[in-house]
Protein backbone atom coordinates (compact mmCIF):
# COMPACT_ATOMS: atom_id res chain seq x y z
CA MET A 1 148.23 91.58 109.70
CA ALA A 2 145.42 90.55 107.32
CA LYS A 3 143.31 87.61 108.49
CA LYS A 4 143.62 84.42 106.41
CA SER A 5 140.90 82.22 104.97
CA TYR A 6 141.00 79.06 102.85
CA ILE A 7 139.87 77.39 99.64
CA TYR A 8 139.52 73.61 99.97
CA ILE A 9 139.11 70.84 97.37
CA LEU A 10 137.65 67.82 99.14
CA ASN A 11 137.98 64.51 97.27
CA TRP A 12 134.85 62.33 97.22
CA THR A 13 135.66 60.56 93.95
CA GLU A 14 135.62 57.07 95.51
CA VAL A 15 132.23 57.54 97.17
CA HIS A 16 130.41 60.01 94.91
CA GLY A 17 132.68 60.41 91.84
CA CYS A 18 133.23 64.11 92.42
CA ILE A 19 135.16 66.77 94.30
CA LYS A 20 133.90 69.80 96.22
CA ILE A 21 135.42 73.27 95.80
CA GLY A 22 134.53 75.65 98.62
CA LYS A 23 135.79 78.22 101.09
CA ALA A 24 136.08 78.18 104.90
CA ASN A 25 137.79 80.01 107.70
CA ASN A 26 138.51 76.61 109.28
CA ILE A 27 138.75 73.69 106.82
CA TRP A 28 138.63 70.95 109.46
CA ASN A 29 135.48 72.33 111.08
CA ARG A 30 133.86 72.68 107.67
CA TYR A 31 134.76 69.09 106.77
CA GLN A 32 133.14 67.83 110.01
CA GLN A 33 129.90 69.54 108.97
CA LEU A 34 129.98 68.18 105.39
CA LYS A 35 130.91 64.67 106.49
CA LYS A 36 127.50 64.23 108.09
CA GLY A 37 125.87 64.33 104.66
CA PHE A 38 128.61 63.14 102.26
CA GLY A 39 130.50 60.66 104.41
CA GLU A 40 134.30 60.26 104.67
CA ALA A 41 136.40 62.02 102.04
CA ASP A 42 139.82 61.00 100.71
CA LEU A 43 141.68 63.59 102.73
CA GLU A 44 145.17 62.52 101.61
CA ASN A 45 144.21 63.36 98.01
CA SER A 46 142.39 66.55 98.92
CA TYR A 47 143.87 70.05 98.49
CA TRP A 48 143.81 73.50 100.00
CA PHE A 49 145.41 76.95 99.89
CA GLU A 50 145.20 80.07 101.99
CA GLU A 51 144.67 83.70 101.02
CA LYS A 52 143.53 86.97 102.58
CA GLU A 53 139.99 86.71 103.93
CA THR A 54 138.97 89.81 101.93
CA ALA A 55 139.94 88.09 98.65
CA ILE A 56 138.81 84.52 99.24
CA LEU A 57 135.18 84.99 98.13
CA GLN A 58 136.25 86.41 94.76
CA ILE A 59 138.76 83.60 94.27
CA GLU A 60 136.06 81.02 95.00
CA LYS A 61 133.75 82.64 92.42
CA LEU A 62 136.59 82.62 89.88
CA LEU A 63 137.29 78.91 90.50
CA HIS A 64 133.61 78.05 90.14
CA THR A 65 133.46 80.03 86.88
CA PHE A 66 136.51 78.28 85.39
CA THR A 67 135.27 74.81 86.39
CA ARG A 68 131.54 75.24 85.62
CA LYS A 69 131.70 72.87 82.61
CA TYR A 70 132.56 70.07 85.08
CA LYS A 71 129.71 70.86 87.50
CA VAL A 72 127.92 67.79 88.88
CA ASP A 73 124.16 67.62 89.51
CA PHE A 74 124.08 65.72 92.78
CA PRO A 75 121.03 63.43 93.07
CA LYS A 76 120.43 64.22 96.74
CA LYS A 77 119.80 67.72 98.11
CA LEU A 78 122.55 68.18 100.69
CA GLU A 79 124.06 71.27 102.20
CA GLY A 80 127.06 72.01 99.93
CA SER A 81 125.80 69.92 96.99
CA THR A 82 125.80 72.93 94.63
CA GLU A 83 129.63 73.08 94.69
CA LEU A 84 130.42 69.61 93.33
CA PHE A 85 132.55 69.02 90.20
CA GLU A 86 134.11 66.20 88.21
CA ILE A 87 137.72 65.29 89.10
CA LYS A 88 138.82 66.92 85.80
CA ALA A 89 138.09 70.29 87.41
CA LEU A 90 141.20 69.80 89.56
CA ASP A 91 143.39 70.50 86.50
CA GLU A 92 141.65 73.86 86.05
CA VAL A 93 142.25 74.65 89.73
CA ARG A 94 145.96 73.81 89.44
CA ASP A 95 146.30 75.92 86.28
CA LEU A 96 144.56 78.91 87.82
CA CYS A 97 146.66 78.67 91.00
CA ASP A 98 149.86 78.64 88.89
CA ARG A 99 148.77 81.72 87.00
CA MET A 100 147.86 83.55 90.22
CA GLY A 101 151.04 82.53 92.04
CA ILE A 102 149.07 80.58 94.68
CA GLN A 103 150.66 77.59 96.38
CA LEU A 104 148.32 74.57 96.35
CA HIS A 105 148.85 72.18 99.28
CA LYS A 106 147.98 68.46 99.20
CA GLY A 107 146.42 66.66 102.15
CA ILE A 108 143.92 67.81 104.77
CA TYR A 109 144.50 66.59 108.33
CA ALA A 110 143.02 67.03 111.78
CA PRO A 111 144.72 69.74 113.84
CA LYS A 112 147.28 68.35 116.28
CA ASP A 113 145.97 70.32 119.22
CA LYS A 114 142.26 70.62 118.87
CA VAL A 115 141.27 74.09 119.97
CA VAL A 116 137.92 72.88 121.31
CA ALA A 117 139.67 71.37 124.29
CA LYS A 118 141.42 74.65 125.15
CA LYS A 119 140.15 76.06 128.40
CA SER A 120 138.83 79.58 128.54
CA ASN A 121 140.77 82.00 130.71
CA ILE A 122 137.55 83.58 131.87
CA LYS A 123 137.57 84.37 135.55
CA ILE A 124 134.35 82.86 136.80
CA LYS A 125 132.69 84.88 139.51
CA ASN A 126 129.93 82.43 140.27
CA GLU A 127 130.50 78.96 138.79
CA LYS A 128 127.07 77.66 139.72
CA ILE A 129 125.28 80.45 137.81
CA ILE A 130 127.50 79.92 134.77
CA LYS A 131 126.80 76.15 134.69
CA GLU A 132 123.06 76.76 134.94
CA GLN A 133 123.23 79.28 132.11
CA ILE A 134 125.20 76.85 129.94
CA GLU A 135 122.50 74.22 130.37
CA VAL A 136 119.81 76.74 129.44
CA ASN A 137 121.77 77.81 126.35
CA ARG A 138 122.37 74.24 125.22
CA LEU A 139 118.68 73.45 125.59
CA LYS A 140 117.75 76.51 123.49
CA LEU A 141 120.30 75.60 120.83
CA ASN A 142 119.04 72.02 120.69
CA ASN A 143 115.49 73.30 120.23
CA LEU A 144 116.64 75.73 117.54
CA ILE A 145 118.48 72.97 115.65
CA GLU A 146 115.39 70.76 115.89
CA PHE A 147 113.24 73.61 114.59
CA ILE A 148 115.41 74.24 111.49
CA HIS A 149 115.80 70.49 110.96
CA THR A 150 112.01 70.06 111.01
CA ILE A 151 111.66 72.70 108.29
CA ASN A 152 114.33 70.95 106.21
CA GLU A 153 112.55 67.61 106.61
CA HIS A 154 109.22 69.05 105.35
CA PRO A 155 110.06 70.90 102.12
CA GLY A 156 106.43 70.75 101.03
CA ASP A 157 105.35 72.89 103.96
CA TRP A 158 107.99 75.60 103.81
CA VAL A 159 109.44 77.77 101.04
CA VAL A 160 112.56 80.00 101.25
CA ARG A 161 112.58 83.09 99.07
CA ASP A 162 113.92 86.62 98.83
CA ILE A 163 111.43 89.39 99.44
CA LYS A 164 111.51 93.17 99.13
CA SER A 165 112.18 95.24 102.21
CA SER A 166 113.10 98.82 102.98
CA SER A 167 114.10 101.26 105.68
CA SER A 168 112.52 104.53 106.73
CA LYS A 169 115.51 106.35 105.21
CA GLY A 170 114.52 105.37 101.69
CA HIS A 171 117.00 102.52 101.25
CA ARG A 172 115.90 99.29 99.58
CA PHE A 173 117.28 95.90 100.45
CA ILE A 174 116.37 92.20 100.22
CA VAL A 175 115.74 89.78 103.05
CA THR A 176 115.53 85.99 103.00
CA THR A 177 112.18 84.85 104.34
CA VAL A 178 111.11 81.35 105.34
CA ILE A 179 107.38 80.98 104.76
CA ASN A 180 105.02 78.27 106.01
CA GLU A 181 102.84 77.59 102.98
CA ASN A 182 100.87 74.78 104.58
CA PRO A 183 98.29 75.97 107.10
CA ASN A 184 97.97 72.36 108.30
CA SER A 185 101.70 71.98 108.94
CA ASN A 186 102.52 69.85 111.98
CA TYR A 187 104.98 72.45 113.26
CA LYS A 188 102.93 75.36 114.61
CA MET A 189 105.25 77.37 116.83
CA THR A 190 103.63 80.03 119.03
CA ILE A 191 104.86 83.58 119.54
CA ASP A 192 106.32 82.77 122.97
CA GLU A 193 108.06 79.63 121.67
CA PHE A 194 109.58 81.59 118.81
CA ARG A 195 110.86 84.28 121.17
CA GLU A 196 112.59 81.57 123.21
CA LEU A 197 114.52 80.48 120.10
CA ASN A 198 115.20 83.99 118.83
CA GLY A 199 117.15 85.28 121.82
CA ILE A 200 120.02 83.13 123.02
CA SER A 201 122.21 84.74 125.68
CA PHE A 202 125.75 83.56 126.44
CA LYS A 203 126.68 84.66 129.92
CA PHE A 204 130.23 84.67 131.20
CA TYR A 205 132.30 86.65 133.70
CA PHE A 206 135.51 88.65 133.81
CA ASN A 207 136.52 90.73 136.81
CA ASP A 208 132.95 92.04 136.82
CA SER A 209 129.84 90.33 135.50
CA SER A 210 129.62 90.47 131.71
CA TRP A 211 127.45 88.79 129.07
CA SER A 212 126.86 88.69 125.36
CA GLN A 213 123.67 88.05 123.38
CA PHE A 214 123.18 86.35 120.00
CA PHE A 215 120.09 86.61 117.79
CA LEU A 216 119.52 84.28 114.85
CA VAL A 217 116.15 85.22 113.38
CA SER A 218 113.92 88.27 113.52
CA LYS A 219 110.71 89.88 112.28
CA ALA A 220 108.46 86.86 112.50
CA THR A 221 104.81 87.00 111.41
CA PHE A 222 102.03 84.96 112.94
CA THR A 223 98.52 83.85 112.08
CA GLU A 224 95.48 85.20 113.92
CA GLY A 225 95.83 82.18 116.16
CA LYS A 226 99.33 83.36 117.11
CA LYS A 227 101.07 80.53 115.21
CA LEU A 228 104.28 81.10 113.25
CA LYS A 229 103.65 81.94 109.58
CA SER A 230 107.06 83.22 108.44
CA PHE A 231 110.40 84.56 109.70
CA GLU A 232 113.40 86.39 108.26
CA LEU A 233 116.83 84.77 108.19
CA SER A 234 120.09 86.49 107.29
CA SER A 235 122.69 84.32 105.52
CA SER A 236 125.36 86.54 107.10
CA LYS A 237 124.47 84.89 110.43
CA ILE A 238 126.34 81.77 109.31
CA ASP A 239 129.55 83.79 108.96
CA GLU A 240 128.84 85.37 112.33
CA ILE A 241 128.49 81.96 113.99
CA GLU A 242 131.66 80.64 112.34
CA LYS A 243 133.63 83.62 113.65
CA LEU A 244 132.22 82.97 117.12
CA ILE A 245 133.55 79.40 117.18
CA GLU A 246 136.84 80.08 115.39
CA GLY A 247 138.18 83.14 117.24
CA ASP A 248 140.71 83.26 120.06
CA GLU A 249 139.04 85.85 122.28
CA ASP A 250 137.42 84.89 125.58
CA LEU A 251 133.89 84.62 124.19
CA SER A 252 135.03 82.31 121.37
CA LEU A 253 136.94 80.09 123.80
CA HIS A 254 133.89 79.89 126.03
CA ILE A 255 131.70 78.88 123.07
CA LYS A 256 134.22 76.33 121.79
CA GLN A 257 134.34 74.72 125.18
CA TYR A 258 130.59 74.37 125.70
CA TYR A 259 128.73 74.85 122.42
CA PHE A 260 131.02 73.80 119.56
CA ASP A 261 129.10 70.64 118.66
CA LEU A 262 125.73 72.39 118.69
CA PHE A 263 126.86 75.37 116.62
CA SER A 264 128.40 73.01 114.06
CA GLN A 265 125.05 71.21 113.71
CA LEU A 266 123.22 74.53 113.50
CA ILE A 267 125.47 75.79 110.67
CA SER A 268 124.85 72.59 108.67
CA GLU A 269 121.07 72.90 109.06
CA LEU A 270 121.13 76.60 108.15
CA ARG A 271 123.24 76.00 105.03
CA LEU A 272 120.83 73.29 103.91
CA LEU A 273 117.86 75.58 104.50
CA LEU A 274 119.39 78.46 102.55
CA SER A 275 120.36 76.13 99.70
CA LYS A 276 116.61 75.68 99.06
CA LYS A 277 116.11 79.38 98.35
CA GLU A 278 114.04 79.97 95.23
CA GLU A 279 114.82 82.50 92.51
CA SER A 280 113.42 85.95 93.24
CA THR A 281 109.99 86.62 91.78
CA PHE A 282 110.98 90.22 91.04
CA ASP A 283 113.72 92.12 89.22
CA VAL A 284 116.37 92.33 91.96
CA GLU A 285 118.53 94.95 90.21
CA GLN A 286 115.54 97.17 89.44
CA TRP A 287 114.38 96.87 93.05
CA LEU A 288 117.77 97.67 94.60
CA ASN A 289 118.77 100.36 92.07
CA PRO A 290 115.65 101.84 90.50
CA LYS A 291 116.44 104.23 87.63
CA TYR A 292 114.67 107.56 87.81
CA GLU A 293 115.31 110.09 85.04
CA TRP A 294 114.90 113.63 86.27
CA ASN A 295 113.16 115.88 83.77
CA SER A 296 114.69 119.17 82.67
CA ASP A 297 113.08 122.12 80.90
CA GLU A 298 116.37 123.38 79.48
CA LEU A 299 118.62 120.34 79.95
CA ALA A 300 120.48 122.11 82.74
CA ASP A 301 121.06 120.82 86.28
CA THR A 302 119.49 123.97 87.73
CA ASP A 303 116.18 123.25 85.99
CA LYS A 304 115.80 119.57 86.89
CA PHE A 305 112.51 118.51 88.42
CA GLY A 306 110.55 115.45 89.51
CA VAL A 307 106.82 114.78 89.38
CA PHE A 308 105.25 112.97 92.33
CA ASN A 309 101.83 111.54 93.11
CA LEU A 310 100.45 112.59 96.49
CA LEU A 311 97.24 112.14 98.43
CA LYS A 312 95.53 114.85 100.47
CA TYR A 313 93.90 113.52 103.64
CA PRO A 314 91.12 113.42 104.79
CA GLY A 315 89.40 113.92 101.42
CA PHE A 316 91.72 111.51 99.55
CA THR A 317 92.24 114.07 96.81
CA THR A 318 94.94 113.04 94.32
CA ILE A 319 97.68 115.64 93.77
CA ASN A 320 100.26 115.60 90.98
CA LEU A 321 103.15 117.72 92.29
CA LYS A 322 106.01 119.04 90.16
CA LEU A 323 109.06 119.88 92.31
CA GLU A 324 111.65 122.06 90.56
CA VAL A 325 115.06 122.14 92.21
CA SER A 326 115.69 125.75 91.19
CA LYS A 327 112.55 126.85 93.04
CA ILE A 328 113.45 125.15 96.36
CA SER A 329 115.65 126.90 98.91
CA LYS A 330 115.86 123.97 101.34
CA ILE A 331 114.06 120.91 102.68
CA ILE A 332 114.05 119.89 106.35
CA SER A 333 113.22 116.37 107.52
CA ASN A 334 112.50 115.32 111.11
CA GLY A 335 112.16 111.60 110.34
CA TYR A 336 108.36 111.80 110.05
CA SER A 337 107.85 114.44 107.38
CA TRP A 338 109.63 116.66 104.89
CA THR A 339 109.08 120.43 105.00
CA ILE A 340 109.81 122.04 101.63
CA PHE A 341 110.75 125.74 101.58
CA PRO A 342 110.14 127.34 98.16
CA ASN A 343 112.35 130.36 97.38
CA THR A 344 109.47 132.21 95.72
CA THR A 345 107.09 132.33 98.68
CA THR A 346 107.04 132.09 102.48
CA LYS A 347 104.46 129.28 102.36
CA THR A 348 105.94 125.83 102.98
CA ILE A 349 104.81 122.37 101.86
CA GLU A 350 104.79 119.52 104.35
CA LEU A 351 104.88 115.92 103.06
CA PHE A 352 104.32 113.09 105.51
CA GLN A 353 106.55 110.03 105.04
CA MET A 354 103.85 107.54 106.05
CA LYS A 355 101.54 106.20 103.41
CA PRO A 356 97.95 107.36 104.00
CA PRO A 357 95.52 104.68 105.18
CA THR A 358 92.85 103.31 102.88
CA LYS A 359 89.30 104.43 103.44
CA GLU A 360 88.49 100.92 104.67
CA VAL A 361 90.95 101.09 107.61
CA LEU A 362 90.56 104.80 108.32
CA HIS A 363 88.11 104.18 111.17
CA THR A 364 90.77 102.19 113.07
CA ILE A 365 93.18 105.16 113.25
CA ASN A 366 92.46 107.87 115.76
CA ASN A 367 95.72 109.86 115.71
CA PHE A 368 96.16 110.34 111.96
CA GLN A 369 97.04 113.90 110.93
CA ASP A 370 95.44 115.91 108.16
CA GLY A 371 97.92 116.69 105.42
CA ILE A 372 99.64 115.53 102.25
CA TYR A 373 101.10 112.04 102.03
CA ILE A 374 103.32 110.21 99.55
CA SER A 375 100.79 108.13 97.62
CA ASP A 376 102.59 104.78 97.43
CA GLU A 377 105.89 102.92 97.82
CA GLU A 378 107.18 103.72 94.32
CA ASN A 379 106.63 107.46 94.74
CA TYR A 380 108.21 107.29 98.20
CA PHE A 381 111.44 105.81 96.82
CA LYS A 382 111.33 108.13 93.84
CA PHE A 383 111.20 111.13 96.21
CA CYS A 384 114.07 109.71 98.36
CA ARG A 385 116.19 109.26 95.22
CA PHE A 386 115.24 112.79 94.09
CA LEU A 387 116.68 114.15 97.34
CA ARG A 388 119.76 111.90 97.18
CA ASP A 389 120.58 112.77 93.55
CA LEU A 390 119.92 116.51 93.50
CA PHE A 391 120.45 117.75 97.07
CA GLU A 392 123.31 117.99 99.58
CA ILE A 393 122.41 116.60 103.00
CA GLU A 394 123.56 117.68 106.46
CA LYS A 395 122.47 116.36 109.86
CA PHE A 396 121.66 118.74 112.68
CA GLY A 397 120.65 116.91 115.86
CA ASN A 398 117.51 114.93 115.01
CA GLU A 399 116.84 116.81 111.78
CA TYR A 400 118.24 116.61 108.23
CA LEU A 401 118.80 119.66 106.04
CA TYR A 402 118.69 119.28 102.24
CA ILE A 403 120.16 122.04 100.07
CA PRO A 404 120.03 121.95 96.24
CA LYS A 405 123.43 120.94 94.84
CA ASN A 406 123.43 123.90 92.47
CA LYS A 407 122.69 126.37 95.29
CA GLU A 408 125.28 129.14 95.51
CA PRO A 409 126.82 129.89 98.96
CA GLN A 410 124.87 132.54 100.81
CA GLN A 411 126.55 135.97 100.87
CA LEU A 412 126.67 137.41 104.37
CA SER A 413 127.34 140.93 105.54
CA LEU A 414 127.96 142.36 108.97
CA ASP A 415 124.55 144.05 108.78
CA ASN A 416 122.52 140.82 108.68
CA ILE A 417 124.78 138.25 110.35
CA GLU A 418 123.45 139.01 113.83
CA GLY A 419 119.93 137.91 112.90
CA LEU A 420 121.12 134.45 111.89
CA PHE A 421 121.94 133.31 115.43
């Protein structure tokens, strides 16, 4: 059975002259978070409907699109303040629900049996250890909430923006990074203090000892004085936290019982922090999906080729290499380099995946190999896309085999099959 999620329309017309249209897996929990900033809503004249969780995000986007002419610019920067609309928007919501066959319900009320009070059915093996761990976890969560709250209270010191990132497999992605732009900021967390916040372990017991671990932030950078300069934050963590405190499994029940209030505060602070994210300073679409046109001598797939800039170490000689698919029999990658096997000669070409060091930092590296390196990030991704577009890939243990897509199957005979194994 598909899991349900909800669209809510909270009525703040008496207090703020607007309504809020949003989504949540638990409307009451979400309202408790919003109430801290917006105050009490008119719940009797608020609305909601449920739909499949997989569809709810698209429905929310559709509602926001249809009601955008009624959008309200809220004077105060609060978590959730970007989803406020004039009361007239409610007519658009009703009309859209009618056309989509969605039943709109009036009135939002507290659950009769609050799940937070439900006791976990975890069989505790050592109650004293569990209680001590709960206190440690609550202290860490309180410190984490205070940390995010401090950032929110000092917008001049911190900026939230998307930055470019990538994996060693040639995939590009974007990460949200929180950067301390004020070197004189009052909040100068050390490496050890940051590690304390980063890893929060929830320990609980079944028949045997068992525990789960939750990480909020990662990949922090520090100044030379070992003070926090920036850290990455995934917006998907908010959804992860909500699922933790809304589920019915043993871990969720344990968290509801001991950490519900703290996680609710944490979600509110995180939403407020992410709402301050600036527009990207780069072309997001071009970064995620760069367009490389492969050249062709005769406009045929078999003659396609790419031209790549390489550097030969240690002399730092620049090489402009033309790789023609029709002249390559295979390419093997071990995660550190690509070995290219031309079909016209027995001599192979080895390209290292690492970028070569600059001459200035060369003296700091004592295990760098002589060879040919991809010259820069753009050529690296261009080569990865070249392989992805024009080659078939197979994994054999720790190695990857690339075969040209136009390569005909090898013809085998009984005379030479023995030598293949």
